[in-house]
Amino acid sequence: MTKGEIAKKNFESGYNCAQAVLLAFCEDFGLDRETALMISSPFGGGMGRMREVCGTVSGMFMVLGLADGYSQTEDKEKKTQLYNEVQTLAERFREDNGSVICRELLGLRIKGKDDPTPSDRTKEYYRARPCAELCRYAADLTDEFLKNKKK
């Protein structure tokens, strides 16, 4: 099963989009599931249903942090490398999906915060949203990016 298939399945199991993507990679980095789920939980719905940066994109960046993040504040070279990777993945996501903004991906006209109450996960919910496929796409893109870096 690909990382994308795992992320899609995670989303279809009820996890938010950021959780679905990060969870697909947590074992690769020795991050326990509960911690991964807790860290990524605020990023669903474009950051707490504010419909800003898509949770799948936030999930990709969390994975990048695990793979190539920095912990030394003075490591400007490492920061620059990471930010370059973030921008590269964001641009690829934007090129292939039209945006990295949740409300734009969902075709919503709201700006700012949305009703904070999560939508019920019904068959109609899954049918009406591109989120499961975006989870698949984001996880596969991240996996491909990381594998190409190792070459």
N, C-alpha and C. Protein backbone atom coordinates (compact mmCIF):
# COMPACT_ATOMS: atom_id res chain seq x y z
N MET A 1 0.85 -1.18 0.00
CA MET A 1 0.00 0.00 0.00
C MET A 1 0.90 1.24 0.00
N THR A 2 0.60 2.21 -0.86
CA THR A 2 1.41 3.43 -0.93
C THR A 2 1.09 4.35 0.24
N LYS A 3 1.97 5.32 0.46
CA LYS A 3 1.70 6.32 1.51
C LYS A 3 0.39 7.04 1.21
N GLY A 4 0.15 7.30 -0.06
CA GLY A 4 -1.09 7.97 -0.44
C GLY A 4 -2.32 7.15 -0.13
N GLU A 5 -2.26 5.87 -0.41
CA GLU A 5 -3.39 4.99 -0.09
C GLU A 5 -3.62 4.92 1.41
N ILE A 6 -2.54 4.89 2.17
CA ILE A 6 -2.66 4.88 3.63
C ILE A 6 -3.31 6.17 4.11
N ALA A 7 -2.84 7.32 3.58
CA ALA A 7 -3.39 8.61 4.00
C ALA A 7 -4.87 8.72 3.63
N LYS A 8 -5.23 8.28 2.44
CA LYS A 8 -6.64 8.31 2.02
C LYS A 8 -7.48 7.45 2.95
N LYS A 9 -6.99 6.27 3.26
CA LYS A 9 -7.71 5.37 4.17
C LYS A 9 -7.85 6.00 5.56
N ASN A 10 -6.77 6.66 6.02
CA ASN A 10 -6.83 7.34 7.31
C ASN A 10 -7.93 8.39 7.32
N PHE A 11 -7.99 9.19 6.26
CA PHE A 11 -9.02 10.23 6.17
C PHE A 11 -10.41 9.60 6.15
N GLU A 12 -10.57 8.56 5.37
CA GLU A 12 -11.87 7.90 5.26
C GLU A 12 -12.25 7.17 6.55
N SER A 13 -11.28 7.01 7.46
CA SER A 13 -11.55 6.41 8.77
C SER A 13 -11.96 7.45 9.80
N GLY A 14 -11.96 8.73 9.40
CA GLY A 14 -12.41 9.78 10.30
C GLY A 14 -11.36 10.77 10.76
N TYR A 15 -10.09 10.52 10.46
CA TYR A 15 -9.05 11.47 10.84
C TYR A 15 -9.13 12.70 9.95
N ASN A 16 -8.69 13.86 10.47
CA ASN A 16 -8.70 15.04 9.63
C ASN A 16 -7.58 14.93 8.60
N CYS A 17 -7.55 15.85 7.65
CA CYS A 17 -6.63 15.76 6.51
C CYS A 17 -5.17 15.82 6.95
N ALA A 18 -4.83 16.67 7.89
CA ALA A 18 -3.44 16.76 8.37
C ALA A 18 -3.05 15.48 9.11
N GLN A 19 -3.94 14.99 9.94
CA GLN A 19 -3.69 13.75 10.66
C GLN A 19 -3.49 12.59 9.69
N ALA A 20 -4.32 12.54 8.67
CA ALA A 20 -4.26 11.44 7.71
C ALA A 20 -2.90 11.36 7.03
N VAL A 21 -2.36 12.52 6.65
CA VAL A 21 -1.06 12.54 5.98
C VAL A 21 0.07 12.23 6.96
N LEU A 22 0.11 12.92 8.09
CA LEU A 22 1.20 12.69 9.05
C LEU A 22 1.19 11.25 9.54
N LEU A 23 0.04 10.72 9.81
CA LEU A 23 -0.08 9.35 10.32
C LEU A 23 0.51 8.33 9.34
N ALA A 24 0.43 8.62 8.05
CA ALA A 24 0.98 7.70 7.05
C ALA A 24 2.50 7.57 7.16
N PHE A 25 3.15 8.54 7.79
CA PHE A 25 4.61 8.56 7.87
C PHE A 25 5.17 8.38 9.28
N CYS A 26 4.34 8.43 10.30
CA CYS A 26 4.87 8.52 11.66
C CYS A 26 5.77 7.35 12.03
N GLU A 27 5.46 6.16 11.59
CA GLU A 27 6.30 5.01 11.92
C GLU A 27 7.68 5.11 11.29
N ASP A 28 7.76 5.73 10.11
CA ASP A 28 9.05 5.89 9.42
C ASP A 28 10.03 6.72 10.25
N PHE A 29 9.49 7.57 11.12
CA PHE A 29 10.33 8.47 11.90
C PHE A 29 10.30 8.16 13.39
N GLY A 30 9.70 7.04 13.77
CA GLY A 30 9.66 6.67 15.17
C GLY A 30 8.72 7.53 16.00
N LEU A 31 7.77 8.17 15.34
CA LEU A 31 6.79 9.01 16.03
C LEU A 31 5.57 8.16 16.36
N ASP A 32 5.22 8.08 17.63
CA ASP A 32 4.08 7.24 17.98
C ASP A 32 2.77 7.86 17.47
N ARG A 33 1.82 6.99 17.18
CA ARG A 33 0.55 7.40 16.57
C ARG A 33 -0.18 8.48 17.39
N GLU A 34 -0.25 8.25 18.68
CA GLU A 34 -0.98 9.18 19.54
C GLU A 34 -0.37 10.59 19.48
N THR A 35 0.94 10.67 19.53
CA THR A 35 1.61 11.97 19.44
C THR A 35 1.37 12.60 18.07
N ALA A 36 1.50 11.81 17.02
CA ALA A 36 1.25 12.33 15.66
C ALA A 36 -0.17 12.86 15.54
N LEU A 37 -1.12 12.12 16.07
CA LEU A 37 -2.52 12.54 15.98
C LEU A 37 -2.78 13.81 16.78
N MET A 38 -2.18 13.91 17.95
CA MET A 38 -2.37 15.10 18.79
C MET A 38 -1.72 16.34 18.15
N ILE A 39 -0.50 16.20 17.65
CA ILE A 39 0.21 17.32 17.03
C ILE A 39 -0.56 17.85 15.83
N SER A 40 -1.07 16.97 15.01
CA SER A 40 -1.71 17.37 13.75
C SER A 40 -3.20 17.70 13.89
N SER A 41 -3.78 17.41 15.05
CA SER A 41 -5.23 17.61 15.20
C SER A 41 -5.74 19.04 14.97
N PRO A 42 -5.01 20.10 15.30
CA PRO A 42 -5.54 21.44 15.07
C PRO A 42 -5.52 21.89 13.61
N PHE A 43 -4.86 21.12 12.73
CA PHE A 43 -4.64 21.59 11.37
C PHE A 43 -5.72 21.17 10.38
N GLY A 44 -6.71 20.39 10.83
CA GLY A 44 -7.80 19.99 9.94
C GLY A 44 -8.67 21.18 9.57
N GLY A 45 -9.32 21.07 8.43
CA GLY A 45 -10.22 22.15 7.98
C GLY A 45 -9.49 23.44 7.68
N GLY A 46 -8.25 23.31 7.23
CA GLY A 46 -7.47 24.52 6.93
C GLY A 46 -7.14 25.29 8.19
N MET A 47 -6.69 24.56 9.21
CA MET A 47 -6.32 25.10 10.51
C MET A 47 -7.57 25.45 11.33
N GLY A 48 -8.09 24.45 12.01
CA GLY A 48 -9.22 24.67 12.89
C GLY A 48 -10.47 25.17 12.18
N ARG A 49 -10.70 24.69 10.97
CA ARG A 49 -11.84 25.09 10.13
C ARG A 49 -11.84 26.58 9.81
N MET A 50 -10.66 27.19 9.78
CA MET A 50 -10.57 28.58 9.32
C MET A 50 -10.45 28.62 7.81
N ARG A 51 -10.26 27.44 7.20
CA ARG A 51 -10.19 27.29 5.75
C ARG A 51 -9.01 28.02 5.13
N GLU A 52 -7.92 28.03 5.86
CA GLU A 52 -6.68 28.65 5.38
C GLU A 52 -5.82 27.57 4.69
N VAL A 53 -4.59 27.35 5.10
CA VAL A 53 -3.73 26.36 4.44
C VAL A 53 -4.35 24.98 4.60
N CYS A 54 -4.48 24.28 3.49
CA CYS A 54 -5.06 22.94 3.47
C CYS A 54 -4.32 22.03 4.46
N GLY A 55 -5.08 21.26 5.21
CA GLY A 55 -4.48 20.36 6.18
C GLY A 55 -3.55 19.33 5.57
N THR A 56 -3.82 18.92 4.32
CA THR A 56 -2.91 17.97 3.68
C THR A 56 -1.54 18.61 3.45
N VAL A 57 -1.54 19.90 3.15
CA VAL A 57 -0.29 20.64 2.94
C VAL A 57 0.43 20.79 4.28
N SER A 58 -0.32 21.12 5.33
CA SER A 58 0.30 21.19 6.67
C SER A 58 0.88 19.84 7.05
N GLY A 59 0.18 18.76 6.73
CA GLY A 59 0.68 17.42 7.01
C GLY A 59 1.97 17.13 6.26
N MET A 60 2.03 17.56 4.99
CA MET A 60 3.27 17.38 4.22
C MET A 60 4.43 18.09 4.91
N PHE A 61 4.17 19.30 5.39
CA PHE A 61 5.24 20.08 6.01
C PHE A 61 5.67 19.49 7.34
N MET A 62 4.74 18.88 8.07
CA MET A 62 5.11 18.21 9.31
C MET A 62 6.04 17.03 9.01
N VAL A 63 5.74 16.30 7.95
CA VAL A 63 6.59 15.19 7.55
C VAL A 63 7.97 15.71 7.16
N LEU A 64 8.01 16.81 6.40
CA LEU A 64 9.31 17.41 6.05
C LEU A 64 10.10 17.78 7.30
N GLY A 65 9.41 18.32 8.29
CA GLY A 65 10.08 18.66 9.54
C GLY A 65 10.71 17.45 10.20
N LEU A 66 9.99 16.32 10.16
CA LEU A 66 10.55 15.09 10.72
C LEU A 66 11.75 14.61 9.91
N ALA A 67 11.68 14.77 8.60
CA ALA A 67 12.75 14.28 7.72
C ALA A 67 13.96 15.21 7.69
N ASP A 68 13.70 16.52 7.64
CA ASP A 68 14.77 17.47 7.37
C ASP A 68 14.73 18.71 8.26
N GLY A 69 13.99 18.64 9.34
CA GLY A 69 13.87 19.81 10.21
C GLY A 69 15.15 20.13 10.95
N TYR A 70 15.12 21.23 11.65
CA TYR A 70 16.29 21.68 12.41
C TYR A 70 15.88 21.90 13.86
N SER A 71 16.86 21.81 14.73
CA SER A 71 16.59 22.07 16.14
C SER A 71 17.53 23.13 16.70
N GLN A 72 18.54 23.47 15.96
CA GLN A 72 19.49 24.50 16.38
C GLN A 72 19.11 25.82 15.73
N THR A 73 18.76 26.79 16.51
CA THR A 73 18.26 28.06 15.98
C THR A 73 19.26 28.79 15.11
N GLU A 74 20.52 28.56 15.33
CA GLU A 74 21.54 29.27 14.55
C GLU A 74 21.90 28.56 13.25
N ASP A 75 21.27 27.43 12.95
CA ASP A 75 21.59 26.67 11.74
C ASP A 75 20.86 27.25 10.53
N LYS A 76 21.35 28.38 10.06
CA LYS A 76 20.72 29.09 8.94
C LYS A 76 20.71 28.25 7.66
N GLU A 77 21.75 27.48 7.43
CA GLU A 77 21.81 26.64 6.24
C GLU A 77 20.70 25.58 6.25
N LYS A 78 20.49 24.96 7.40
CA LYS A 78 19.45 23.94 7.53
C LYS A 78 18.05 24.55 7.39
N LYS A 79 17.86 25.73 7.98
CA LYS A 79 16.58 26.44 7.85
C LYS A 79 16.31 26.75 6.38
N THR A 80 17.32 27.27 5.70
CA THR A 80 17.16 27.63 4.29
C THR A 80 16.81 26.41 3.46
N GLN A 81 17.49 25.30 3.71
CA GLN A 81 17.21 24.06 2.99
C GLN A 81 15.76 23.62 3.22
N LEU A 82 15.34 23.62 4.48
CA LEU A 82 13.98 23.20 4.80
C LEU A 82 12.95 24.12 4.15
N TYR A 83 13.13 25.42 4.25
CA TYR A 83 12.17 26.36 3.67
C TYR A 83 12.12 26.23 2.15
N ASN A 84 13.26 25.92 1.54
CA ASN A 84 13.28 25.68 0.10
C ASN A 84 12.44 24.44 -0.24
N GLU A 85 12.58 23.39 0.56
CA GLU A 85 11.78 22.18 0.35
C GLU A 85 10.29 22.45 0.53
N VAL A 86 9.94 23.23 1.55
CA VAL A 86 8.55 23.60 1.78
C VAL A 86 8.00 24.32 0.56
N GLN A 87 8.74 25.30 0.07
CA GLN A 87 8.27 26.08 -1.07
C GLN A 87 8.16 25.21 -2.32
N THR A 88 9.10 24.29 -2.50
CA THR A 88 9.06 23.39 -3.65
C THR A 88 7.82 22.51 -3.62
N LEU A 89 7.56 21.89 -2.47
CA LEU A 89 6.37 21.02 -2.36
C LEU A 89 5.08 21.83 -2.48
N ALA A 90 5.04 23.00 -1.88
CA ALA A 90 3.84 23.84 -1.98
C ALA A 90 3.56 24.23 -3.43
N GLU A 91 4.58 24.58 -4.15
CA GLU A 91 4.40 24.97 -5.55
C GLU A 91 3.92 23.80 -6.39
N ARG A 92 4.48 22.64 -6.16
CA ARG A 92 4.03 21.45 -6.90
C ARG A 92 2.57 21.13 -6.57
N PHE A 93 2.21 21.21 -5.30
CA PHE A 93 0.83 20.97 -4.89
C PHE A 93 -0.10 21.99 -5.57
N ARG A 94 0.30 23.25 -5.56
CA ARG A 94 -0.49 24.33 -6.16
C ARG A 94 -0.64 24.12 -7.67
N GLU A 95 0.45 23.76 -8.33
CA GLU A 95 0.39 23.52 -9.78
C GLU A 95 -0.59 22.41 -10.12
N ASP A 96 -0.57 21.35 -9.35
CA ASP A 96 -1.41 20.19 -9.67
C ASP A 96 -2.83 20.27 -9.15
N ASN A 97 -3.08 21.12 -8.14
CA ASN A 97 -4.41 21.18 -7.53
C ASN A 97 -5.06 22.56 -7.57
N GLY A 98 -4.32 23.56 -8.00
CA GLY A 98 -4.88 24.90 -8.16
C GLY A 98 -4.69 25.83 -7.00
N SER A 99 -4.37 25.31 -5.83
CA SER A 99 -4.23 26.14 -4.64
C SER A 99 -3.66 25.30 -3.50
N VAL A 100 -3.20 25.98 -2.46
CA VAL A 100 -2.86 25.31 -1.20
C VAL A 100 -3.81 25.78 -0.10
N ILE A 101 -4.82 26.54 -0.47
CA ILE A 101 -5.78 27.12 0.48
C ILE A 101 -7.04 26.26 0.51
N CYS A 102 -7.42 25.84 1.70
CA CYS A 102 -8.56 24.94 1.91
C CYS A 102 -9.83 25.46 1.24
N ARG A 103 -10.23 26.69 1.53
CA ARG A 103 -11.50 27.19 1.01
C ARG A 103 -11.51 27.23 -0.51
N GLU A 104 -10.35 27.50 -1.12
CA GLU A 104 -10.28 27.51 -2.58
C GLU A 104 -10.38 26.09 -3.14
N LEU A 105 -9.74 25.14 -2.50
CA LEU A 105 -9.82 23.75 -2.93
C LEU A 105 -11.23 23.20 -2.79
N LEU A 106 -11.97 23.68 -1.78
CA LEU A 106 -13.34 23.23 -1.56
C LEU A 106 -14.37 24.07 -2.30
N GLY A 107 -13.94 25.15 -2.93
CA GLY A 107 -14.87 26.02 -3.65
C GLY A 107 -15.77 26.82 -2.72
N LEU A 108 -15.27 27.15 -1.52
CA LEU A 108 -16.05 27.92 -0.55
C LEU A 108 -15.77 29.40 -0.72
N ARG A 109 -16.76 30.22 -0.42
CA ARG A 109 -16.61 31.67 -0.57
C ARG A 109 -16.31 32.37 0.76
N ILE A 110 -16.27 31.64 1.84
CA ILE A 110 -16.02 32.26 3.14
C ILE A 110 -14.59 32.75 3.25
N LYS A 111 -14.39 33.74 4.09
CA LYS A 111 -13.05 34.19 4.44
C LYS A 111 -12.97 34.18 5.95
N GLY A 112 -11.82 33.81 6.45
CA GLY A 112 -11.68 33.76 7.89
C GLY A 112 -12.24 32.48 8.46
N LYS A 113 -12.74 32.55 9.66
CA LYS A 113 -13.16 31.31 10.31
C LYS A 113 -14.52 30.83 9.83
N ASP A 114 -14.69 29.54 9.89
CA ASP A 114 -15.93 28.87 9.56
C ASP A 114 -16.53 28.39 10.87
N ASP A 115 -17.71 27.85 10.84
CA ASP A 115 -18.29 27.23 12.03
C ASP A 115 -17.29 26.21 12.55
N PRO A 116 -16.89 26.29 13.81
CA PRO A 116 -15.86 25.37 14.32
C PRO A 116 -16.34 23.94 14.50
N THR A 117 -17.63 23.69 14.37
CA THR A 117 -18.16 22.34 14.56
C THR A 117 -17.80 21.47 13.36
N PRO A 118 -17.06 20.38 13.59
CA PRO A 118 -16.70 19.51 12.46
C PRO A 118 -17.94 18.92 11.79
N SER A 119 -17.86 18.74 10.50
CA SER A 119 -18.95 18.12 9.75
C SER A 119 -19.02 16.64 10.09
N ASP A 120 -20.24 16.12 10.11
CA ASP A 120 -20.42 14.69 10.30
C ASP A 120 -19.85 13.97 9.08
N ARG A 121 -19.16 12.87 9.33
CA ARG A 121 -18.54 12.10 8.25
C ARG A 121 -19.56 11.11 7.70
N THR A 122 -20.31 11.57 6.73
CA THR A 122 -21.31 10.74 6.07
C THR A 122 -20.84 10.40 4.66
N LYS A 123 -21.57 9.53 3.98
CA LYS A 123 -21.25 9.21 2.59
C LYS A 123 -21.28 10.47 1.74
N GLU A 124 -22.25 11.34 2.00
CA GLU A 124 -22.35 12.60 1.24
C GLU A 124 -21.16 13.51 1.50
N TYR A 125 -20.70 13.54 2.74
CA TYR A 125 -19.53 14.34 3.09
C TYR A 125 -18.35 13.92 2.22
N TYR A 126 -18.08 12.62 2.19
CA TYR A 126 -16.93 12.12 1.44
C TYR A 126 -17.12 12.32 -0.07
N ARG A 127 -18.33 12.19 -0.53
CA ARG A 127 -18.61 12.34 -1.96
C ARG A 127 -18.45 13.79 -2.42
N ALA A 128 -18.78 14.74 -1.57
CA ALA A 128 -18.81 16.16 -1.94
C ALA A 128 -17.45 16.85 -1.83
N ARG A 129 -16.46 16.18 -1.27
CA ARG A 129 -15.17 16.82 -1.00
C ARG A 129 -14.03 16.12 -1.72
N PRO A 130 -13.03 16.91 -2.11
CA PRO A 130 -11.83 16.30 -2.71
C PRO A 130 -10.80 15.87 -1.67
N CYS A 131 -11.12 15.99 -0.39
CA CYS A 131 -10.14 15.82 0.68
C CYS A 131 -9.46 14.46 0.70
N ALA A 132 -10.19 13.39 0.50
CA ALA A 132 -9.58 12.06 0.53
C ALA A 132 -8.53 11.93 -0.57
N GLU A 133 -8.87 12.42 -1.75
CA GLU A 133 -7.91 12.37 -2.86
C GLU A 133 -6.74 13.33 -2.63
N LEU A 134 -6.99 14.46 -1.99
CA LEU A 134 -5.90 15.38 -1.67
C LEU A 134 -4.97 14.77 -0.63
N CYS A 135 -5.51 14.01 0.30
CA CYS A 135 -4.67 13.29 1.26
C CYS A 135 -3.78 12.29 0.52
N ARG A 136 -4.38 11.56 -0.40
CA ARG A 136 -3.61 10.60 -1.19
C ARG A 136 -2.51 11.31 -1.97
N TYR A 137 -2.89 12.38 -2.65
CA TYR A 137 -1.93 13.13 -3.47
C TYR A 137 -0.78 13.67 -2.60
N ALA A 138 -1.11 14.32 -1.50
CA ALA A 138 -0.10 14.95 -0.65
C ALA A 138 0.88 13.92 -0.09
N ALA A 139 0.38 12.80 0.36
CA ALA A 139 1.25 11.76 0.92
C ALA A 139 2.14 11.15 -0.16
N ASP A 140 1.58 10.90 -1.33
CA ASP A 140 2.40 10.35 -2.42
C ASP A 140 3.44 11.36 -2.89
N LEU A 141 3.07 12.63 -2.98
CA LEU A 141 4.01 13.66 -3.37
C LEU A 141 5.16 13.75 -2.37
N THR A 142 4.84 13.73 -1.10
CA THR A 142 5.86 13.80 -0.05
C THR A 142 6.77 12.58 -0.10
N ASP A 143 6.18 11.41 -0.25
CA ASP A 143 6.96 10.18 -0.31
C ASP A 143 7.91 10.20 -1.51
N GLU A 144 7.41 10.61 -2.65
CA GLU A 144 8.24 10.71 -3.86
C GLU A 144 9.38 11.71 -3.64
N PHE A 145 9.05 12.84 -3.06
CA PHE A 145 10.06 13.88 -2.81
C PHE A 145 11.16 13.35 -1.91
N LEU A 146 10.79 12.69 -0.82
CA LEU A 146 11.78 12.18 0.12
C LEU A 146 12.63 11.07 -0.50
N LYS A 147 12.01 10.20 -1.30
CA LYS A 147 12.77 9.13 -1.96
C LYS A 147 13.75 9.70 -2.97
N ASN A 148 13.35 10.73 -3.71
CA ASN A 148 14.24 11.35 -4.69
C ASN A 148 15.42 12.06 -4.04
N LYS A 149 15.21 12.55 -2.82
CA LYS A 149 16.31 13.20 -2.09
C LYS A 149 17.39 12.20 -1.71
N LYS A 150 17.00 10.97 -1.48
CA LYS A 150 17.95 9.94 -1.05
C LYS A 150 18.82 9.46 -2.19
N LYS A 151 18.39 9.70 -3.41
CA LYS A 151 19.15 9.22 -4.59
C LYS A 151 20.39 10.01 -4.81
